[in-house]
Amino acid sequence: MNTTKIEEWIDLEEFKELISNHKSNILVSPHALTHLSIAQRLIFNESELINPIMNERPEKVGKQRNGRYAAFYHRKNGYLKIILERKTQKLEIITFINVDIVPSITKKND
């Protein structure tokens, strides 16, 4: 079973409240930056991942089967997809990826 598949879209106000409740404790997982080269890390750092979450309105936010959130932020050439996980006292950015489109949710079983 694909645990990263989005099962449902959540209300943007619900996501905004989640961010507001954790705004002082949003962390970037070391895993989120491991696929970047050293040169890319000089350009794309932790603040580049935290900034959209704190200051931009996502186009859509979905809840994945694994309980994590997938937030899609519109960019010039597609979307920045940021995967977040709510932990006890923090919100952790697990990873990110650039995607061309926001996926649709299908009701059939995998």
Protein backbone atom coordinates (compact mmCIF):
# COMPACT_ATOMS: atom_id res chain seq x y z
CA MET A 1 0.00 0.00 0.00
CA ASN A 2 1.28 3.47 -0.93
CA THR A 3 1.46 5.31 2.42
CA THR A 4 2.33 8.65 0.80
CA LYS A 5 -0.87 8.74 -1.25
CA ILE A 6 -3.12 11.65 -0.35
CA GLU A 7 -6.38 10.38 1.08
CA GLU A 8 -8.15 13.67 1.62
CA TRP A 9 -7.76 17.40 1.14
CA ILE A 10 -7.94 19.41 4.34
CA ASP A 11 -9.36 22.86 4.82
CA LEU A 12 -6.72 25.58 4.41
CA GLU A 13 -7.91 27.22 7.64
CA GLU A 14 -7.22 23.96 9.49
CA PHE A 15 -3.69 23.93 8.08
CA LYS A 16 -3.22 27.60 8.96
CA GLU A 17 -4.22 26.81 12.55
CA LEU A 18 -1.77 23.88 12.65
CA ILE A 19 1.03 26.21 11.54
CA SER A 20 -0.04 28.88 14.01
CA ASN A 21 0.00 26.37 16.88
CA HIS A 22 3.56 25.27 16.02
CA LYS A 23 5.08 28.46 14.56
CA SER A 24 7.76 28.69 17.24
CA ASN A 25 8.76 25.06 16.80
CA ILE A 26 8.97 24.20 13.09
CA LEU A 27 12.05 22.12 12.35
CA VAL A 28 13.63 20.71 9.20
CA SER A 29 14.50 17.02 9.33
CA PRO A 30 18.09 16.25 8.28
CA HIS A 31 16.51 13.90 5.72
CA ALA A 32 14.91 16.86 3.93
CA LEU A 33 18.24 18.18 2.67
CA THR A 34 20.18 14.94 2.13
CA HIS A 35 19.39 14.71 -1.58
CA LEU A 36 20.85 18.16 -2.29
CA SER A 37 24.40 18.72 -3.47
CA ILE A 38 26.69 20.97 -1.43
CA ALA A 39 26.22 23.76 -3.98
CA GLN A 40 22.43 23.41 -3.84
CA ARG A 41 22.54 23.58 -0.02
CA LEU A 42 24.18 27.00 -0.25
CA ILE A 43 21.16 28.24 -2.21
CA PHE A 44 18.33 26.15 -0.80
CA ASN A 45 18.51 25.97 2.98
CA GLU A 46 16.19 25.45 5.94
CA SER A 47 14.76 28.95 5.78
CA GLU A 48 13.74 28.33 2.16
CA LEU A 49 11.51 25.51 3.42
CA ILE A 50 10.18 27.24 6.52
CA ASN A 51 9.44 30.55 4.76
CA PRO A 52 6.61 29.26 2.49
CA ILE A 53 4.96 27.50 5.42
CA MET A 54 5.02 30.64 7.54
CA ASN A 55 4.32 33.26 4.88
CA GLU A 56 2.50 31.75 1.90
CA ARG A 57 -0.91 30.27 1.36
CA PRO A 58 -0.68 26.79 -0.13
CA GLU A 59 -2.78 25.95 -3.16
CA LYS A 60 -3.86 22.71 -1.49
CA VAL A 61 -2.98 20.63 1.56
CA GLY A 62 -3.63 16.92 1.75
CA LYS A 63 -3.45 14.32 4.48
CA GLN A 64 -1.46 11.25 3.43
CA ARG A 65 -2.19 7.68 4.49
CA ASN A 66 0.84 7.81 6.78
CA GLY A 67 -0.67 10.77 8.66
CA ARG A 68 1.69 13.36 7.23
CA TYR A 69 0.62 16.54 5.50
CA ALA A 70 1.50 17.39 1.89
CA ALA A 71 1.35 21.14 1.21
CA PHE A 72 1.51 22.39 -2.39
CA TYR A 73 2.87 25.90 -2.99
CA HIS A 74 2.52 27.39 -6.47
CA ARG A 75 5.78 28.24 -8.25
CA LYS A 76 6.60 29.59 -11.69
CA ASN A 77 7.20 26.10 -13.11
CA GLY A 78 4.81 23.97 -11.07
CA TYR A 79 4.55 23.41 -7.33
CA LEU A 80 6.78 23.03 -4.32
CA LYS A 81 5.45 20.05 -2.36
CA ILE A 82 6.49 20.09 1.30
CA ILE A 83 5.80 17.04 3.47
CA LEU A 84 5.25 17.81 7.17
CA GLU A 85 4.69 15.64 10.20
CA ARG A 86 3.07 16.80 13.42
CA LYS A 87 4.96 15.49 16.41
CA THR A 88 4.17 16.04 20.08
CA GLN A 89 5.48 19.58 20.48
CA LYS A 90 6.77 20.34 17.00
CA LEU A 91 6.04 20.36 13.31
CA GLU A 92 8.78 18.73 11.27
CA ILE A 93 9.48 19.21 7.58
CA ILE A 94 10.30 15.69 6.42
CA THR A 95 11.13 16.35 2.77
CA PHE A 96 10.22 18.41 -0.28
CA ILE A 97 10.02 17.99 -4.01
CA ASN A 98 9.18 20.08 -7.05
CA VAL A 99 6.17 18.67 -8.91
CA ASP A 100 4.39 19.69 -12.11
CA ILE A 101 0.82 19.31 -10.87
CA VAL A 102 -1.25 18.89 -7.74
CA PRO A 103 -2.49 15.28 -7.76
CA SER A 104 -6.15 14.39 -7.79
CA ILE A 105 -7.65 12.04 -5.26
CA THR A 106 -9.16 8.85 -6.59
CA LYS A 107 -11.55 6.73 -4.59
CA LYS A 108 -10.44 3.32 -5.89
CA ASN A 109 -8.31 1.01 -3.76
CA ASP A 110 -4.61 0.50 -4.51
